[in-house]
Amino acid sequence: MSVSVARVPTHSASKYLQQLAKHWSHKMDVRHTPEEARIAFPGGAVLELRADSETLDVALTVPEDGDVARMRDVVSSHLDRFAFREAPLTFDWAEV
């Protein structure tokens, strides 16, 4: 498993978290509150989000046979779509 994390500065973290969770809830297993979300992708990847007043914390777990770069891009591009007024958001991805 590969785990990537990013702390994204934004004052609209809860809004973006909820929009993304609702958007993907039609295709994936999604559990969310205004402050936290867990999204399970069909290929085994899992996205966990945590929102506070200044940041959106993102943790992306990808199976060994998964494409980490592609999954990072999927997450960041979808969040940028919802954050169009302040996009592009800053994703400083790090492996943990």
N, C-alpha and C. Protein backbone atom coordinates (compact mmCIF):
# COMPACT_ATOMS: atom_id res chain seq x y z
N MET A 1 0.83 -1.18 0.00
CA MET A 1 0.00 0.00 0.00
C MET A 1 0.88 1.24 0.00
N SER A 2 0.44 2.22 -0.75
CA SER A 2 1.11 3.51 -0.79
C SER A 2 0.17 4.55 -0.18
N VAL A 3 0.67 5.32 0.77
CA VAL A 3 -0.14 6.35 1.40
C VAL A 3 0.46 7.72 1.07
N SER A 4 -0.37 8.57 0.47
CA SER A 4 0.02 9.94 0.14
C SER A 4 -0.84 10.88 0.96
N VAL A 5 -0.21 11.94 1.48
CA VAL A 5 -0.94 12.93 2.25
C VAL A 5 -0.66 14.32 1.71
N ALA A 6 -1.63 15.21 1.90
CA ALA A 6 -1.46 16.60 1.53
C ALA A 6 -2.29 17.46 2.46
N ARG A 7 -1.78 18.60 2.83
CA ARG A 7 -2.52 19.59 3.61
C ARG A 7 -2.78 20.76 2.66
N VAL A 8 -4.05 20.93 2.32
CA VAL A 8 -4.45 21.92 1.31
C VAL A 8 -5.00 23.16 2.01
N PRO A 9 -4.34 24.30 1.86
CA PRO A 9 -4.86 25.52 2.49
C PRO A 9 -6.11 26.04 1.77
N THR A 10 -7.19 26.19 2.52
CA THR A 10 -8.44 26.76 1.99
C THR A 10 -9.37 27.05 3.16
N HIS A 11 -10.12 28.12 3.06
CA HIS A 11 -11.11 28.46 4.07
C HIS A 11 -12.46 27.80 3.76
N SER A 12 -12.54 27.05 2.68
CA SER A 12 -13.78 26.39 2.26
C SER A 12 -13.65 24.87 2.30
N ALA A 13 -12.83 24.36 3.18
CA ALA A 13 -12.53 22.93 3.22
C ALA A 13 -13.79 22.08 3.41
N SER A 14 -14.64 22.43 4.33
CA SER A 14 -15.84 21.64 4.57
C SER A 14 -16.75 21.63 3.35
N LYS A 15 -16.88 22.76 2.71
CA LYS A 15 -17.71 22.86 1.51
C LYS A 15 -17.20 21.93 0.42
N TYR A 16 -15.89 21.96 0.16
CA TYR A 16 -15.32 21.13 -0.89
C TYR A 16 -15.40 19.64 -0.54
N LEU A 17 -15.16 19.32 0.74
CA LEU A 17 -15.26 17.93 1.19
C LEU A 17 -16.66 17.39 0.92
N GLN A 18 -17.67 18.16 1.30
CA GLN A 18 -19.05 17.71 1.12
C GLN A 18 -19.43 17.61 -0.35
N GLN A 19 -18.99 18.55 -1.16
CA GLN A 19 -19.29 18.50 -2.60
C GLN A 19 -18.67 17.26 -3.23
N LEU A 20 -17.42 16.99 -2.90
CA LEU A 20 -16.73 15.82 -3.47
C LEU A 20 -17.40 14.53 -3.00
N ALA A 21 -17.73 14.46 -1.72
CA ALA A 21 -18.37 13.25 -1.19
C ALA A 21 -19.72 13.01 -1.87
N LYS A 22 -20.51 14.03 -2.02
CA LYS A 22 -21.81 13.88 -2.67
C LYS A 22 -21.65 13.51 -4.14
N HIS A 23 -20.68 14.11 -4.80
CA HIS A 23 -20.42 13.84 -6.22
C HIS A 23 -20.08 12.37 -6.44
N TRP A 24 -19.21 11.82 -5.58
CA TRP A 24 -18.76 10.45 -5.76
C TRP A 24 -19.67 9.42 -5.09
N SER A 25 -20.64 9.86 -4.31
CA SER A 25 -21.50 8.91 -3.59
C SER A 25 -22.38 8.10 -4.54
N HIS A 26 -22.53 8.55 -5.77
CA HIS A 26 -23.34 7.82 -6.74
C HIS A 26 -22.61 6.62 -7.32
N LYS A 27 -21.27 6.63 -7.24
CA LYS A 27 -20.48 5.58 -7.85
C LYS A 27 -19.63 4.78 -6.87
N MET A 28 -19.42 5.33 -5.67
CA MET A 28 -18.49 4.71 -4.73
C MET A 28 -19.09 4.63 -3.34
N ASP A 29 -18.43 3.86 -2.49
CA ASP A 29 -18.84 3.77 -1.09
C ASP A 29 -18.32 5.01 -0.38
N VAL A 30 -19.24 5.88 0.06
CA VAL A 30 -18.86 7.16 0.66
C VAL A 30 -19.55 7.31 2.01
N ARG A 31 -18.76 7.70 3.00
CA ARG A 31 -19.29 8.09 4.31
C ARG A 31 -18.73 9.46 4.62
N HIS A 32 -19.62 10.38 5.05
CA HIS A 32 -19.09 11.72 5.34
C HIS A 32 -19.96 12.49 6.33
N THR A 33 -19.30 13.44 6.97
CA THR A 33 -19.91 14.47 7.80
C THR A 33 -19.37 15.78 7.24
N PRO A 34 -19.79 16.93 7.76
CA PRO A 34 -19.19 18.18 7.28
C PRO A 34 -17.69 18.30 7.53
N GLU A 35 -17.17 17.51 8.50
CA GLU A 35 -15.74 17.62 8.84
C GLU A 35 -14.88 16.47 8.34
N GLU A 36 -15.48 15.32 8.03
CA GLU A 36 -14.68 14.16 7.63
C GLU A 36 -15.37 13.36 6.54
N ALA A 37 -14.56 12.72 5.71
CA ALA A 37 -15.11 11.85 4.67
C ALA A 37 -14.18 10.68 4.43
N ARG A 38 -14.79 9.57 4.03
CA ARG A 38 -14.05 8.38 3.61
C ARG A 38 -14.69 7.90 2.33
N ILE A 39 -13.88 7.80 1.27
CA ILE A 39 -14.36 7.41 -0.05
C ILE A 39 -13.55 6.20 -0.50
N ALA A 40 -14.25 5.10 -0.76
CA ALA A 40 -13.59 3.86 -1.20
C ALA A 40 -13.80 3.72 -2.71
N PHE A 41 -12.71 3.68 -3.45
CA PHE A 41 -12.76 3.53 -4.90
C PHE A 41 -12.87 2.05 -5.27
N PRO A 42 -13.44 1.76 -6.44
CA PRO A 42 -13.61 0.35 -6.85
C PRO A 42 -12.31 -0.45 -6.90
N GLY A 43 -11.20 0.14 -7.27
CA GLY A 43 -9.94 -0.59 -7.39
C GLY A 43 -9.21 -0.82 -6.08
N GLY A 44 -9.81 -0.40 -4.97
CA GLY A 44 -9.19 -0.62 -3.67
C GLY A 44 -8.56 0.60 -3.03
N ALA A 45 -8.45 1.70 -3.77
CA ALA A 45 -7.90 2.93 -3.18
C ALA A 45 -8.93 3.52 -2.22
N VAL A 46 -8.43 4.23 -1.20
CA VAL A 46 -9.29 4.87 -0.22
C VAL A 46 -8.81 6.30 -0.02
N LEU A 47 -9.77 7.23 -0.05
CA LEU A 47 -9.48 8.64 0.17
C LEU A 47 -10.13 9.05 1.48
N GLU A 48 -9.34 9.65 2.38
CA GLU A 48 -9.87 10.17 3.63
C GLU A 48 -9.60 11.66 3.67
N LEU A 49 -10.62 12.43 4.04
CA LEU A 49 -10.53 13.88 4.07
C LEU A 49 -10.92 14.38 5.45
N ARG A 50 -10.26 15.43 5.89
CA ARG A 50 -10.61 16.08 7.16
C ARG A 50 -10.54 17.59 6.95
N ALA A 51 -11.62 18.27 7.29
CA ALA A 51 -11.72 19.72 7.07
C ALA A 51 -11.68 20.47 8.39
N ASP A 52 -10.96 21.58 8.39
CA ASP A 52 -11.08 22.53 9.50
C ASP A 52 -11.21 23.92 8.90
N SER A 53 -11.08 24.94 9.69
CA SER A 53 -11.36 26.30 9.21
C SER A 53 -10.30 26.84 8.25
N GLU A 54 -9.12 26.19 8.21
CA GLU A 54 -8.04 26.72 7.36
C GLU A 54 -7.46 25.73 6.37
N THR A 55 -7.72 24.44 6.56
CA THR A 55 -7.11 23.45 5.68
C THR A 55 -8.03 22.26 5.42
N LEU A 56 -7.74 21.60 4.32
CA LEU A 56 -8.35 20.32 4.00
C LEU A 56 -7.21 19.30 3.99
N ASP A 57 -7.25 18.38 4.94
CA ASP A 57 -6.23 17.33 5.02
C ASP A 57 -6.70 16.15 4.18
N VAL A 58 -5.81 15.67 3.33
CA VAL A 58 -6.13 14.61 2.38
C VAL A 58 -5.17 13.45 2.62
N ALA A 59 -5.72 12.24 2.75
CA ALA A 59 -4.91 11.02 2.85
C ALA A 59 -5.43 10.03 1.82
N LEU A 60 -4.56 9.63 0.92
CA LEU A 60 -4.93 8.74 -0.18
C LEU A 60 -4.12 7.46 -0.08
N THR A 61 -4.82 6.34 0.10
CA THR A 61 -4.18 5.03 0.18
C THR A 61 -4.46 4.29 -1.12
N VAL A 62 -3.39 3.86 -1.78
CA VAL A 62 -3.50 3.18 -3.07
C VAL A 62 -2.85 1.81 -2.96
N PRO A 63 -3.52 0.74 -3.44
CA PRO A 63 -2.91 -0.60 -3.40
C PRO A 63 -1.60 -0.64 -4.18
N GLU A 64 -0.78 -1.64 -3.87
CA GLU A 64 0.53 -1.79 -4.52
C GLU A 64 0.44 -1.79 -6.04
N ASP A 65 -0.60 -2.38 -6.60
CA ASP A 65 -0.70 -2.45 -8.06
C ASP A 65 -1.41 -1.23 -8.65
N GLY A 66 -1.71 -0.22 -7.84
CA GLY A 66 -2.41 0.96 -8.32
C GLY A 66 -1.48 2.04 -8.84
N ASP A 67 -2.05 2.98 -9.55
CA ASP A 67 -1.30 4.09 -10.14
C ASP A 67 -1.44 5.31 -9.23
N VAL A 68 -0.45 5.51 -8.37
CA VAL A 68 -0.50 6.57 -7.37
C VAL A 68 -0.62 7.95 -8.02
N ALA A 69 0.19 8.21 -9.03
CA ALA A 69 0.17 9.52 -9.69
C ALA A 69 -1.21 9.81 -10.30
N ARG A 70 -1.80 8.82 -10.93
CA ARG A 70 -3.12 9.00 -11.53
C ARG A 70 -4.16 9.28 -10.46
N MET A 71 -4.13 8.54 -9.36
CA MET A 71 -5.11 8.73 -8.29
C MET A 71 -4.94 10.11 -7.64
N ARG A 72 -3.70 10.54 -7.45
CA ARG A 72 -3.48 11.90 -6.93
C ARG A 72 -4.11 12.93 -7.86
N ASP A 73 -3.91 12.73 -9.16
CA ASP A 73 -4.45 13.66 -10.14
C ASP A 73 -5.98 13.65 -10.14
N VAL A 74 -6.58 12.49 -10.02
CA VAL A 74 -8.04 12.38 -9.96
C VAL A 74 -8.58 13.18 -8.78
N VAL A 75 -7.97 13.02 -7.62
CA VAL A 75 -8.42 13.72 -6.42
C VAL A 75 -8.23 15.22 -6.56
N SER A 76 -7.03 15.65 -6.95
CA SER A 76 -6.76 17.08 -7.03
C SER A 76 -7.59 17.76 -8.12
N SER A 77 -7.77 17.11 -9.26
CA SER A 77 -8.54 17.74 -10.34
C SER A 77 -10.02 17.87 -9.97
N HIS A 78 -10.57 16.87 -9.27
CA HIS A 78 -11.95 16.98 -8.83
C HIS A 78 -12.13 18.08 -7.79
N LEU A 79 -11.21 18.15 -6.84
CA LEU A 79 -11.31 19.21 -5.84
C LEU A 79 -11.13 20.59 -6.48
N ASP A 80 -10.23 20.70 -7.43
CA ASP A 80 -10.06 21.98 -8.14
C ASP A 80 -11.33 22.38 -8.88
N ARG A 81 -12.05 21.42 -9.40
CA ARG A 81 -13.30 21.71 -10.10
C ARG A 81 -14.31 22.37 -9.15
N PHE A 82 -14.39 21.85 -7.92
CA PHE A 82 -15.30 22.43 -6.94
C PHE A 82 -14.78 23.75 -6.39
N ALA A 83 -13.49 23.94 -6.41
CA ALA A 83 -12.86 25.15 -5.88
C ALA A 83 -12.50 26.12 -7.00
N PHE A 84 -13.32 26.16 -8.04
CA PHE A 84 -12.96 26.93 -9.23
C PHE A 84 -12.65 28.39 -8.93
N ARG A 85 -13.24 28.96 -7.89
CA ARG A 85 -12.98 30.37 -7.58
C ARG A 85 -11.57 30.59 -7.03
N GLU A 86 -11.00 29.58 -6.42
CA GLU A 86 -9.65 29.72 -5.87
C GLU A 86 -8.66 28.71 -6.45
N ALA A 87 -9.07 27.96 -7.44
CA ALA A 87 -8.22 26.95 -8.05
C ALA A 87 -7.08 27.60 -8.83
N PRO A 88 -5.98 26.94 -8.97
CA PRO A 88 -5.74 25.59 -8.48
C PRO A 88 -5.36 25.60 -6.99
N LEU A 89 -5.88 24.63 -6.28
CA LEU A 89 -5.51 24.45 -4.89
C LEU A 89 -4.08 23.91 -4.83
N THR A 90 -3.43 24.11 -3.70
CA THR A 90 -2.05 23.66 -3.52
C THR A 90 -2.02 22.29 -2.86
N PHE A 91 -1.55 21.30 -3.60
CA PHE A 91 -1.40 19.94 -3.09
C PHE A 91 0.09 19.64 -3.02
N ASP A 92 0.66 19.67 -1.83
CA ASP A 92 2.05 19.28 -1.63
C ASP A 92 2.07 17.84 -1.15
N TRP A 93 1.88 16.92 -2.10
CA TRP A 93 1.79 15.49 -1.76
C TRP A 93 3.08 15.00 -1.15
N ALA A 94 2.93 14.15 -0.14
CA ALA A 94 4.09 13.50 0.50
C ALA A 94 3.72 12.05 0.75
N GLU A 95 4.71 11.16 0.61
CA GLU A 95 4.51 9.74 0.95
C GLU A 95 4.75 9.57 2.43
N VAL A 96 3.92 8.76 3.07
CA VAL A 96 4.14 8.48 4.50
C VAL A 96 4.28 6.99 4.72
